[in-house]
PDB file of N, CA and C in Angstrom:
ATOM      1  N   MET A   1      93.440 130.187  79.861  1.00  0.00           N
ATOM      2  CA  MET A   1      94.491 130.402  80.833  1.00  0.00           C
ATOM      3  C   MET A   1      94.853 129.103  81.546  1.00  0.00           C
ATOM      4  N   ALA A   2      93.870 128.244  81.825  1.00  0.00           N
ATOM      5  CA  ALA A   2      94.136 126.967  82.480  1.00  0.00           C
ATOM      6  C   ALA A   2      95.031 126.095  81.610  1.00  0.00           C
ATOM      7  N   ASN A   3      94.829 126.144  80.287  1.00  0.00           N
ATOM      8  CA  ASN A   3      95.672 125.354  79.390  1.00  0.00           C
ATOM      9  C   ASN A   3      97.117 125.828  79.427  1.00  0.00           C
ATOM     10  N   VAL A   4      97.330 127.130  79.547  1.00  0.00           N
ATOM     11  CA  VAL A   4      98.681 127.676  79.632  1.00  0.00           C
ATOM     12  C   VAL A   4      99.336 127.208  80.925  1.00  0.00           C
ATOM     13  N   ALA A   5      98.597 127.253  82.018  1.00  0.00           N
ATOM     14  CA  ALA A   5      99.129 126.809  83.308  1.00  0.00           C
ATOM     15  C   ALA A   5      99.484 125.333  83.261  1.00  0.00           C
ATOM     16  N   ALA A   6      98.626 124.524  82.683  1.00  0.00           N
ATOM     17  CA  ALA A   6      98.895 123.087  82.566  1.00  0.00           C
ATOM     18  C   ALA A   6     100.127 122.853  81.703  1.00  0.00           C
ATOM     19  N   PHE A   7     100.246 123.598  80.627  1.00  0.00           N
ATOM     20  CA  PHE A   7     101.405 123.469  79.752  1.00  0.00           C
ATOM     21  C   PHE A   7     102.692 123.824  80.495  1.00  0.00           C
ATOM     22  N   LEU A   8     102.678 124.932  81.237  1.00  0.00           N
ATOM     23  CA  LEU A   8     103.864 125.333  81.978  1.00  0.00           C
ATOM     24  C   LEU A   8     104.238 124.301  83.023  1.00  0.00           C
ATOM     25  N   PHE A   9     103.238 123.733  83.679  1.00  0.00           N
ATOM     26  CA  PHE A   9     103.495 122.694  84.676  1.00  0.00           C
ATOM     27  C   PHE A   9     104.134 121.480  84.018  1.00  0.00           C
ATOM     28  N   LEU A  10     103.580 121.044  82.894  1.00  0.00           N
ATOM     29  CA  LEU A  10     104.142 119.886  82.193  1.00  0.00           C
ATOM     30  C   LEU A  10     105.528 120.188  81.658  1.00  0.00           C
ATOM     31  N   LEU A  11     105.748 121.411  81.203  1.00  0.00           N
ATOM     32  CA  LEU A  11     107.057 121.806  80.712  1.00  0.00           C
ATOM     33  C   LEU A  11     108.090 121.724  81.824  1.00  0.00           C
ATOM     34  N   LEU A  12     107.772 122.239  82.990  1.00  0.00           N
ATOM     35  CA  LEU A  12     108.683 122.159  84.122  1.00  0.00           C
ATOM     36  C   LEU A  12     108.932 120.709  84.516  1.00  0.00           C
ATOM     37  N   LEU A  13     107.880 119.923  84.516  1.00  0.00           N
ATOM     38  CA  LEU A  13     107.984 118.526  84.894  1.00  0.00           C
ATOM     39  C   LEU A  13     108.886 117.767  83.935  1.00  0.00           C
ATOM     40  N   SER A  14     108.705 117.991  82.649  1.00  0.00           N
ATOM     41  CA  SER A  14     109.481 117.254  81.659  1.00  0.00           C
ATOM     42  C   SER A  14     110.905 117.783  81.517  1.00  0.00           C
ATOM     43  N   SER A  15     111.158 118.986  81.957  1.00  0.00           N
ATOM     44  CA  SER A  15     112.486 119.567  81.804  1.00  0.00           C
ATOM     45  C   SER A  15     113.474 119.054  82.827  1.00  0.00           C
ATOM     46  N   GLY A  16     112.982 118.367  83.856  1.00  0.00           N
ATOM     47  CA  GLY A  16     113.865 117.915  84.914  1.00  0.00           C
ATOM     48  C   GLY A  16     114.219 119.033  85.873  1.00  0.00           C
ATOM     49  N   GLY A  17     113.534 120.150  85.747  1.00  0.00           N
ATOM     50  CA  GLY A  17     113.804 121.293  86.609  1.00  0.00           C
ATOM     51  C   GLY A  17     113.252 121.099  87.998  1.00  0.00           C
ATOM     52  N   ASN A  18     113.706 121.906  88.906  1.00  0.00           N
ATOM     53  CA  ASN A  18     113.253 121.857  90.285  1.00  0.00           C
ATOM     54  C   ASN A  18     111.848 122.454  90.361  1.00  0.00           C
ATOM     55  N   LEU A  19     110.931 121.750  90.981  1.00  0.00           N
ATOM     56  CA  LEU A  19     109.537 122.183  91.037  1.00  0.00           C
ATOM     57  C   LEU A  19     109.192 122.796  92.387  1.00  0.00           C
ATOM     58  N   ILE A  20     109.884 123.831  92.763  1.00  0.00           N
ATOM     59  CA  ILE A  20     109.602 124.477  94.038  1.00  0.00           C
ATOM     60  C   ILE A  20     108.304 125.270  93.956  1.00  0.00           C
ATOM     61  N   VAL A  21     108.093 125.989  92.878  1.00  0.00           N
ATOM     62  CA  VAL A  21     106.915 126.838  92.727  1.00  0.00           C
ATOM     63  C   VAL A  21     106.380 126.698  91.306  1.00  0.00           C
ATOM     64  N   VAL A  22     105.074 126.582  91.180  1.00  0.00           N
ATOM     65  CA  VAL A  22     104.414 126.547  89.880  1.00  0.00           C
ATOM     66  C   VAL A  22     103.358 127.641  89.896  1.00  0.00           C
ATOM     67  N   ASN A  23     103.500 128.602  88.996  1.00  0.00           N
ATOM     68  CA  ASN A  23     102.565 129.725  88.929  1.00  0.00           C
ATOM     69  C   ASN A  23     102.374 130.389  90.289  1.00  0.00           C
ATOM     70  N   GLY A  24     103.477 130.559  91.017  1.00  0.00           N
ATOM     71  CA  GLY A  24     103.421 131.227  92.311  1.00  0.00           C
ATOM     72  C   GLY A  24     102.919 130.348  93.441  1.00  0.00           C
ATOM     73  N   GLN A  25     102.640 129.083  93.169  1.00  0.00           N
ATOM     74  CA  GLN A  25     102.136 128.187  94.214  1.00  0.00           C
ATOM     75  C   GLN A  25     103.168 127.119  94.531  1.00  0.00           C
ATOM     76  N   ARG A  26     103.309 126.793  95.775  1.00  0.00           N
ATOM     77  CA  ARG A  26     104.231 125.763  96.221  1.00  0.00           C
ATOM     78  C   ARG A  26     103.669 124.389  95.873  1.00  0.00           C
ATOM     79  N   THR A  27     104.529 123.477  95.466  1.00  0.00           N
ATOM     80  CA  THR A  27     104.072 122.133  95.101  1.00  0.00           C
ATOM     81  C   THR A  27     104.194 121.178  96.286  1.00  0.00           C
ATOM     82  N   ARG A  28     103.372 120.155  96.257  1.00  0.00           N
ATOM     83  CA  ARG A  28     103.383 119.104  97.263  1.00  0.00           C
ATOM     84  C   ARG A  28     103.256 117.766  96.570  1.00  0.00           C
ATOM     85  N   CYS A  29     103.587 116.713  97.276  1.00  0.00           N
ATOM     86  CA  CYS A  29     103.512 115.357  96.730  1.00  0.00           C
ATOM     87  C   CYS A  29     102.491 114.567  97.532  1.00  0.00           C
ATOM     88  N   VAL A  30     101.584 113.904  96.854  1.00  0.00           N
ATOM     89  CA  VAL A  30     100.588 113.054  97.518  1.00  0.00           C
ATOM     90  C   VAL A  30     100.519 111.716  96.795  1.00  0.00           C
ATOM     91  N   ALA A  31      99.888 110.757  97.435  1.00  0.00           N
ATOM     92  CA  ALA A  31      99.712 109.435  96.836  1.00  0.00           C
ATOM     93  C   ALA A  31      98.593 109.482  95.802  1.00  0.00           C
ATOM     94  N   LYS A  32      98.806 108.796  94.686  1.00  0.00           N
ATOM     95  CA  LYS A  32      97.745 108.687  93.682  1.00  0.00           C
ATOM     96  C   LYS A  32      96.597 107.874  94.275  1.00  0.00           C
ATOM     97  N   PRO A  33      95.361 108.332  94.066  1.00  0.00           N
ATOM     98  CA  PRO A  33      94.208 107.606  94.600  1.00  0.00           C
ATOM     99  C   PRO A  33      94.111 106.162  94.102  1.00  0.00           C
ATOM    100  N   SER A  34      94.711 105.857  92.971  1.00  0.00           N
ATOM    101  CA  SER A  34      94.644 104.502  92.417  1.00  0.00           C
ATOM    102  C   SER A  34      95.688 103.556  93.023  1.00  0.00           C
ATOM    103  N   SER A  35      96.511 104.042  93.935  1.00  0.00           N
ATOM    104  CA  SER A  35      97.564 103.210  94.525  1.00  0.00           C
ATOM    105  C   SER A  35      96.967 102.106  95.396  1.00  0.00           C
ATOM    106  N   ASP A  36      97.566 100.923  95.318  1.00  0.00           N
ATOM    107  CA  ASP A  36      97.076  99.813  96.150  1.00  0.00           C
ATOM    108  C   ASP A  36      97.677  99.890  97.558  1.00  0.00           C
ATOM    109  N   GLN A  37      97.118  99.132  98.473  1.00  0.00           N
ATOM    110  CA  GLN A  37      97.505  99.179  99.878  1.00  0.00           C
ATOM    111  C   GLN A  37      98.979  98.821 100.093  1.00  0.00           C
ATOM    112  N   ALA A  38      99.470  97.805  99.375  1.00  0.00           N
ATOM    113  CA  ALA A  38     100.869  97.393  99.536  1.00  0.00           C
ATOM    114  C   ALA A  38     101.818  98.509  99.101  1.00  0.00           C
ATOM    115  N   THR A  39     101.488  99.190  98.029  1.00  0.00           N
ATOM    116  CA  THR A  39     102.307 100.300  97.541  1.00  0.00           C
ATOM    117  C   THR A  39     102.298 101.440  98.548  1.00  0.00           C
ATOM    118  N   LEU A  40     101.136 101.764  99.081  1.00  0.00           N
ATOM    119  CA  LEU A  40     101.042 102.844 100.062  1.00  0.00           C
ATOM    120  C   LEU A  40     101.884 102.528 101.296  1.00  0.00           C
ATOM    121  N   LEU A  41     101.804 101.296 101.767  1.00  0.00           N
ATOM    122  CA  LEU A  41     102.582 100.896 102.940  1.00  0.00           C
ATOM    123  C   LEU A  41     104.085 100.959 102.646  1.00  0.00           C
ATOM    124  N   ALA A  42     104.486 100.499 101.476  1.00  0.00           N
ATOM    125  CA  ALA A  42     105.899 100.574 101.089  1.00  0.00           C
ATOM    126  C   ALA A  42     106.359 102.031 101.015  1.00  0.00           C
ATOM    127  N   ASN A  43     105.507 102.903 100.498  1.00  0.00           N
ATOM    128  CA  ASN A  43     105.852 104.326 100.407  1.00  0.00           C
ATOM    129  C   ASN A  43     106.022 104.945 101.788  1.00  0.00           C
ATOM    130  N   ILE A  44     105.139 104.593 102.715  1.00  0.00           N
ATOM    131  CA  ILE A  44     105.252 105.103 104.088  1.00  0.00           C
ATOM    132  C   ILE A  44     106.574 104.644 104.692  1.00  0.00           C
ATOM    133  N   ASN A  45     106.860 103.347 104.574  1.00  0.00           N
ATOM    134  CA  ASN A  45     108.086 102.808 105.160  1.00  0.00           C
ATOM    135  C   ASN A  45     109.326 103.463 104.575  1.00  0.00           C
ATOM    136  N   TYR A  46     109.362 103.625 103.260  1.00  0.00           N
ATOM    137  CA  TYR A  46     110.529 104.240 102.628  1.00  0.00           C
ATOM    138  C   TYR A  46     110.643 105.722 103.008  1.00  0.00           C
ATOM    139  N   ALA A  47     109.562 106.465 102.832  1.00  0.00           N
ATOM    140  CA  ALA A  47     109.608 107.912 103.100  1.00  0.00           C
ATOM    141  C   ALA A  47     109.978 108.191 104.560  1.00  0.00           C
ATOM    142  N   CYS A  48     109.414 107.423 105.461  1.00  0.00           N
ATOM    143  CA  CYS A  48     109.682 107.663 106.886  1.00  0.00           C
ATOM    144  C   CYS A  48     111.063 107.177 107.310  1.00  0.00           C
ATOM    145  N   SER A  49     111.719 106.365 106.482  1.00  0.00           N
ATOM    146  CA  SER A  49     113.105 105.994 106.776  1.00  0.00           C
ATOM    147  C   SER A  49     114.052 107.122 106.368  1.00  0.00           C
ATOM    148  N   GLN A  50     113.539 108.064 105.577  1.00  0.00           N
ATOM    149  CA  GLN A  50     114.352 109.162 105.051  1.00  0.00           C
ATOM    150  C   GLN A  50     113.938 110.542 105.585  1.00  0.00           C
ATOM    151  N   ALA A  51     112.747 110.642 106.151  1.00  0.00           N
ATOM    152  CA  ALA A  51     112.220 111.934 106.613  1.00  0.00           C
ATOM    153  C   ALA A  51     111.572 111.759 107.991  1.00  0.00           C
ATOM    154  N   ASP A  52     111.391 112.839 108.687  1.00  0.00           N
ATOM    155  CA  ASP A  52     110.809 112.822 110.030  1.00  0.00           C
ATOM    156  C   ASP A  52     109.287 112.727 109.940  1.00  0.00           C
ATOM    157  N   CYS A  53     108.747 111.574 110.283  1.00  0.00           N
ATOM    158  CA  CYS A  53     107.299 111.325 110.182  1.00  0.00           C
ATOM    159  C   CYS A  53     106.605 111.324 111.538  1.00  0.00           C
ATOM    160  N   ARG A  54     107.148 112.025 112.508  1.00  0.00           N
ATOM    161  CA  ARG A  54     106.533 112.046 113.844  1.00  0.00           C
ATOM    162  C   ARG A  54     105.094 112.549 113.826  1.00  0.00           C
ATOM    163  N   ASN A  55     104.745 113.421 112.896  1.00  0.00           N
ATOM    164  CA  ASN A  55     103.368 113.942 112.840  1.00  0.00           C
ATOM    165  C   ASN A  55     102.346 112.866 112.523  1.00  0.00           C
ATOM    166  N   LEU A  56     102.799 111.691 112.091  1.00  0.00           N
ATOM    167  CA  LEU A  56     101.880 110.595 111.780  1.00  0.00           C
ATOM    168  C   LEU A  56     101.602 109.705 112.980  1.00  0.00           C
ATOM    169  N   GLN A  57     102.285 109.918 114.081  1.00  0.00           N
ATOM    170  CA  GLN A  57     102.091 109.085 115.260  1.00  0.00           C
ATOM    171  C   GLN A  57     100.757 109.388 115.930  1.00  0.00           C
ATOM    172  N   ARG A  58     100.207 108.360 116.593  1.00  0.00           N
ATOM    173  CA  ARG A  58      98.936 108.506 117.322  1.00  0.00           C
ATOM    174  C   ARG A  58      99.011 109.721 118.247  1.00  0.00           C
ATOM    175  N   GLY A  59      97.963 110.540 118.217  1.00  0.00           N
ATOM    176  CA  GLY A  59      97.894 111.728 119.055  1.00  0.00           C
ATOM    177  C   GLY A  59      98.529 112.969 118.438  1.00  0.00           C
ATOM    178  N   ARG A  60      99.184 112.816 117.299  1.00  0.00           N
ATOM    179  CA  ARG A  60      99.820 113.949 116.626  1.00  0.00           C
ATOM    180  C   ARG A  60      98.872 114.516 115.571  1.00  0.00           C
ATOM    181  N   PRO A  61      99.156 115.728 115.070  1.00  0.00           N
ATOM    182  CA  PRO A  61      98.211 116.430 114.196  1.00  0.00           C
ATOM    183  C   PRO A  61      97.784 115.691 112.927  1.00  0.00           C
ATOM    184  N   CYS A  62      98.640 114.850 112.359  1.00  0.00           N
ATOM    185  CA  CYS A  62      98.306 114.227 111.070  1.00  0.00           C
ATOM    186  C   CYS A  62      97.937 112.748 111.173  1.00  0.00           C
ATOM    187  N   PHE A  63      97.749 112.242 112.398  1.00  0.00           N
ATOM    188  CA  PHE A  63      97.402 110.826 112.554  1.00  0.00           C
ATOM    189  C   PHE A  63      96.006 110.515 112.008  1.00  0.00           C
ATOM    190  N   MET A  64      95.063 111.402 112.255  1.00  0.00           N
ATOM    191  CA  MET A  64      93.685 111.186 111.790  1.00  0.00           C
ATOM    192  C   MET A  64      93.469 111.902 110.462  1.00  0.00           C
ATOM    193  N   PRO A  65      92.748 111.349 109.522  1.00  0.00           N
ATOM    194  CA  PRO A  65      92.154 110.017 109.593  1.00  0.00           C
ATOM    195  C   PRO A  65      93.232 108.941 109.491  1.00  0.00           C
ATOM    196  N   ASP A  66      93.036 107.881 110.254  1.00  0.00           N
ATOM    197  CA  ASP A  66      93.996 106.794 110.356  1.00  0.00           C
ATOM    198  C   ASP A  66      93.777 105.806 109.215  1.00  0.00           C
ATOM    199  N   ASN A  67      94.330 106.142 108.035  1.00  0.00           N
ATOM    200  CA  ASN A  67      94.248 105.227 106.893  1.00  0.00           C
ATOM    201  C   ASN A  67      95.515 105.364 106.052  1.00  0.00           C
ATOM    202  N   LEU A  68      95.778 104.343 105.257  1.00  0.00           N
ATOM    203  CA  LEU A  68      97.029 104.313 104.483  1.00  0.00           C
ATOM    204  C   LEU A  68      97.137 105.447 103.470  1.00  0.00           C
ATOM    205  N   MET A  69      96.049 105.804 102.823  1.00  0.00           N
ATOM    206  CA  MET A  69      96.099 106.882 101.821  1.00  0.00           C
ATOM    207  C   MET A  69      96.534 108.198 102.469  1.00  0.00           C
ATOM    208  N   ASN A  70      95.945 108.525 103.595  1.00  0.00           N
ATOM    209  CA  ASN A  70      96.297 109.753 104.296  1.00  0.00           C
ATOM    210  C   ASN A  70      97.743 109.709 104.773  1.00  0.00           C
ATOM    211  N   HIS A  71      98.122 108.628 105.436  1.00  0.00           N
ATOM    212  CA  HIS A  71      99.469 108.541 105.980  1.00  0.00           C
ATOM    213  C   HIS A  71     100.519 108.509 104.872  1.00  0.00           C
ATOM    214  N   ALA A  72     100.243 107.803 103.782  1.00  0.00           N
ATOM    215  CA  ALA A  72     101.196 107.751 102.672  1.00  0.00           C
ATOM    216  C   ALA A  72     101.372 109.138 102.056  1.00  0.00           C
ATOM    217  N   SER A  73     100.282 109.858 101.859  1.00  0.00           N
ATOM    218  CA  SER A  73     100.379 111.196 101.266  1.00  0.00           C
ATOM    219  C   SER A  73     101.225 112.116 102.125  1.00  0.00           C
ATOM    220  N   ILE A  74     101.029 112.066 103.414  1.00  0.00           N
ATOM    221  CA  ILE A  74     101.799 112.929 104.316  1.00  0.00           C
ATOM    222  C   ILE A  74     103.266 112.520 104.316  1.00  0.00           C
ATOM    223  N   ALA A  75     103.532 111.227 104.421  1.00  0.00           N
ATOM    224  CA  ALA A  75     104.916 110.738 104.425  1.00  0.00           C
ATOM    225  C   ALA A  75     105.624 111.059 103.104  1.00  0.00           C
ATOM    226  N   MET A  76     104.944 110.839 102.006  1.00  0.00           N
ATOM    227  CA  MET A  76     105.525 111.112 100.699  1.00  0.00           C
ATOM    228  C   MET A  76     105.836 112.592 100.544  1.00  0.00           C
ATOM    229  N   ASN A  77     104.957 113.450 101.040  1.00  0.00           N
ATOM    230  CA  ASN A  77     105.211 114.887 100.954  1.00  0.00           C
ATOM    231  C   ASN A  77     106.381 115.293 101.846  1.00  0.00           C
ATOM    232  N   LEU A  78     106.481 114.712 103.030  1.00  0.00           N
ATOM    233  CA  LEU A  78     107.612 115.017 103.900  1.00  0.00           C
ATOM    234  C   LEU A  78     108.935 114.650 103.216  1.00  0.00           C
ATOM    235  N   TYR A  79     108.959 113.502 102.565  1.00  0.00           N
ATOM    236  CA  TYR A  79     110.144 113.076 101.824  1.00  0.00           C
ATOM    237  C   TYR A  79     110.420 114.042 100.665  1.00  0.00           C
ATOM    238  N   TYR A  80     109.394 114.350  99.901  1.00  0.00           N
ATOM    239  CA  TYR A  80     109.506 115.260  98.750  1.00  0.00           C
ATOM    240  C   TYR A  80     110.070 116.613  99.175  1.00  0.00           C
ATOM    241  N   GLN A  81     109.555 117.168 100.256  1.00  0.00           N
ATOM    242  CA  GLN A  81     110.024 118.463 100.741  1.00  0.00           C
ATOM    243  C   GLN A  81     111.466 118.360 101.235  1.00  0.00           C
ATOM    244  N   ALA A  82     111.779 117.297 101.971  1.00  0.00           N
ATOM    245  CA  ALA A  82     113.116 117.135 102.549  1.00  0.00           C
ATOM    246  C   ALA A  82     114.190 116.931 101.486  1.00  0.00           C
ATOM    247  N   LYS A  83     113.819 116.333 100.375  1.00  0.00           N
ATOM    248  CA  LYS A  83     114.796 116.012  99.339  1.00  0.00           C
ATOM    249  C   LYS A  83     114.904 117.082  98.251  1.00  0.00           C
ATOM    250  N   GLY A  84     114.179 118.172  98.364  1.00  0.00           N
ATOM    251  CA  GLY A  84     114.374 119.292  97.453  1.00  0.00           C
ATOM    252  C   GLY A  84     113.266 119.584  96.467  1.00  0.00           C
ATOM    253  N   ARG A  85     112.144 118.925  96.580  1.00  0.00           N
ATOM    254  CA  ARG A  85     110.968 119.184  95.723  1.00  0.00           C
ATOM    255  C   ARG A  85     111.276 119.021  94.238  1.00  0.00           C
ATOM    256  N   ASN A  86     112.070 118.033  93.893  1.00  0.00           N
ATOM    257  CA  ASN A  86     112.304 117.694  92.487  1.00  0.00           C
ATOM    258  C   ASN A  86     111.239 116.681  92.070  1.00  0.00           C
ATOM    259  N   HIS A  87     110.860 116.684  90.805  1.00  0.00           N
ATOM    260  CA  HIS A  87     109.786 115.780  90.385  1.00  0.00           C
ATOM    261  C   HIS A  87     110.140 114.326  90.655  1.00  0.00           C
ATOM    262  N   TRP A  88     111.410 113.970  90.595  1.00  0.00           N
ATOM    263  CA  TRP A  88     111.792 112.577  90.846  1.00  0.00           C
ATOM    264  C   TRP A  88     111.662 112.206  92.317  1.00  0.00           C
ATOM    265  N   ASN A  89     111.575 113.189  93.208  1.00  0.00           N
ATOM    266  CA  ASN A  89     111.361 112.900  94.626  1.00  0.00           C
ATOM    267  C   ASN A  89     109.907 112.584  94.940  1.00  0.00           C
ATOM    268  N   CYS A  90     109.052 112.635  93.936  1.00  0.00           N
ATOM    269  CA  CYS A  90     107.643 112.273  94.102  1.00  0.00           C
ATOM    270  C   CYS A  90     107.275 111.106  93.188  1.00  0.00           C
ATOM    271  N   GLU A  91     108.241 110.427  92.660  1.00  0.00           N
ATOM    272  CA  GLU A  91     107.976 109.326  91.730  1.00  0.00           C
ATOM    273  C   GLU A  91     107.342 108.130  92.429  1.00  0.00           C
ATOM    274  N   PHE A  92     107.996 107.619  93.450  1.00  0.00           N
ATOM    275  CA  PHE A  92     107.494 106.474  94.215  1.00  0.00           C
ATOM    276  C   PHE A  92     106.945 105.373  93.301  1.00  0.00           C
ATOM    277  N   ARG A  93     107.762 105.019  92.311  1.00  0.00           N
ATOM    278  CA  ARG A  93     107.406 103.968  91.337  1.00  0.00           C
ATOM    279  C   ARG A  93     106.054 104.218  90.675  1.00  0.00           C
ATOM    280  N   GLY A  94     105.803 105.472  90.368  1.00  0.00           N
ATOM    281  CA  GLY A  94     104.582 105.846  89.660  1.00  0.00           C
ATOM    282  C   GLY A  94     103.368 106.069  90.540  1.00  0.00           C
ATOM    283  N   SER A  95     103.538 106.029  91.853  1.00  0.00           N
ATOM    284  CA  SER A  95     102.381 106.183  92.742  1.00  0.00           C
ATOM    285  C   SER A  95     102.298 107.564  93.384  1.00  0.00           C
ATOM    286  N   GLY A  96     103.208 108.471  93.020  1.00  0.00           N
ATOM    287  CA  GLY A  96     103.171 109.828  93.555  1.00  0.00           C
ATOM    288  C   GLY A  96     102.567 110.808  92.565  1.00  0.00           C
ATOM    289  N   LEU A  97     101.988 111.857  93.095  1.00  0.00           N
ATOM    290  CA  LEU A  97     101.332 112.869  92.277  1.00  0.00           C
ATOM    291  C   LEU A  97     101.703 114.244  92.820  1.00  0.00           C
ATOM    292  N   ILE A  98     102.278 115.099  91.985  1.00  0.00           N
ATOM    293  CA  ILE A  98     102.613 116.466  92.392  1.00  0.00           C
ATOM    294  C   ILE A  98     101.376 117.335  92.235  1.00  0.00           C
ATOM    295  N   VAL A  99     101.042 118.068  93.299  1.00  0.00           N
ATOM    296  CA  VAL A  99      99.848 118.918  93.295  1.00  0.00           C
ATOM    297  C   VAL A  99     100.217 120.332  93.715  1.00  0.00           C
ATOM    298  N   VAL A 100      99.414 121.296  93.291  1.00  0.00           N
ATOM    299  CA  VAL A 100      99.601 122.678  93.724  1.00  0.00           C
ATOM    300  C   VAL A 100      98.543 123.067  94.750  1.00  0.00           C
ATOM    301  N   THR A 101      97.512 122.264  94.891  1.00  0.00           N
ATOM    302  CA  THR A 101      96.478 122.510  95.890  1.00  0.00           C
ATOM    303  C   THR A 101      97.003 122.076  97.255  1.00  0.00           C
ATOM    304  N   ASP A 102      96.838 122.907  98.247  1.00  0.00           N
ATOM    305  CA  ASP A 102      97.310 122.591  99.597  1.00  0.00           C
ATOM    306  C   ASP A 102      96.379 121.562 100.233  1.00  0.00           C
ATOM    307  N   PRO A 103      96.883 120.340 100.507  1.00  0.00           N
ATOM    308  CA  PRO A 103      96.031 119.306 101.103  1.00  0.00           C
ATOM    309  C   PRO A 103      95.944 119.386 102.630  1.00  0.00           C
ATOM    310  N   SER A 104      96.488 120.431 103.240  1.00  0.00           N
ATOM    311  CA  SER A 104      96.439 120.568 104.700  1.00  0.00           C
ATOM    312  C   SER A 104      95.005 120.553 105.194  1.00  0.00           C
ATOM    313  N   TYR A 105      94.821 120.075 106.417  1.00  0.00           N
ATOM    314  CA  TYR A 105      93.487 120.036 107.026  1.00  0.00           C
ATOM    315  C   TYR A 105      93.639 120.175 108.539  1.00  0.00           C
ATOM    316  N   GLY A 106      92.697 120.860 109.163  1.00  0.00           N
ATOM    317  CA  GLY A 106      92.752 121.033 110.613  1.00  0.00           C
ATOM    318  C   GLY A 106      94.115 121.523 111.054  1.00  0.00           C
ATOM    319  N   ASN A 107      94.715 120.798 112.025  1.00  0.00           N
ATOM    320  CA  ASN A 107      96.056 121.131 112.498  1.00  0.00           C
ATOM    321  C   ASN A 107      97.159 120.397 111.760  1.00  0.00           C
ATOM    322  N   CYS A 108      96.792 119.624 110.740  1.00  0.00           N
ATOM    323  CA  CYS A 108      97.770 118.893 109.942  1.00  0.00           C
ATOM    324  C   CYS A 108      98.175 119.769 108.762  1.00  0.00           C
ATOM    325  N   ILE A 109      99.355 120.337 108.846  1.00  0.00           N
ATOM    326  CA  ILE A 109      99.845 121.262 107.826  1.00  0.00           C
ATOM    327  C   ILE A 109     100.873 120.555 106.952  1.00  0.00           C
ATOM    328  N   TYR A 110     100.612 120.541 105.655  1.00  0.00           N
ATOM    329  CA  TYR A 110     101.598 120.025 104.707  1.00  0.00           C
ATOM    330  C   TYR A 110     102.617 121.121 104.467  1.00  0.00           C
ATOM    331  N   PRO A 111     103.902 120.843 104.741  1.00  0.00           N
ATOM    332  CA  PRO A 111     104.911 121.906 104.536  1.00  0.00           C
ATOM    333  C   PRO A 111     105.031 122.286 103.072  1.00  0.00           C
TER     334      PRO A 111
END
C-alpha cells in the first residue's frame, strides 16, 4: 500500500497538478535538510517578501527554535500555501520538499 501511495504522490507531482491533498492529507513545504545556510537565508528573504512571516518574529509562536532550518521551513510553507500549493511553489531552486506529515509543534501551526 505504501508503494501505491508513493506512486500516486509522484504521479501528481510529475503531472503538474495542484497538490492540495494527497491521499486525504494536506501537503506542506519544508526546507530540505541538506540545504546550506546561504540557501536557507535566501529562501527566508524571498518567501517573506511574498508572504506574511510575522509568526517568525521574536516572541511569536514560530520563532523558537531560532535557527535557519526552522525559519526557512516555516517561511517556505507560508509562501507555498499563499501561492496555491502547486509543486512549483515549493521548488526554491531544489531546496524545497513537499511533505504530508504535519510539521507543526507547540503553538507553531503550519497552515
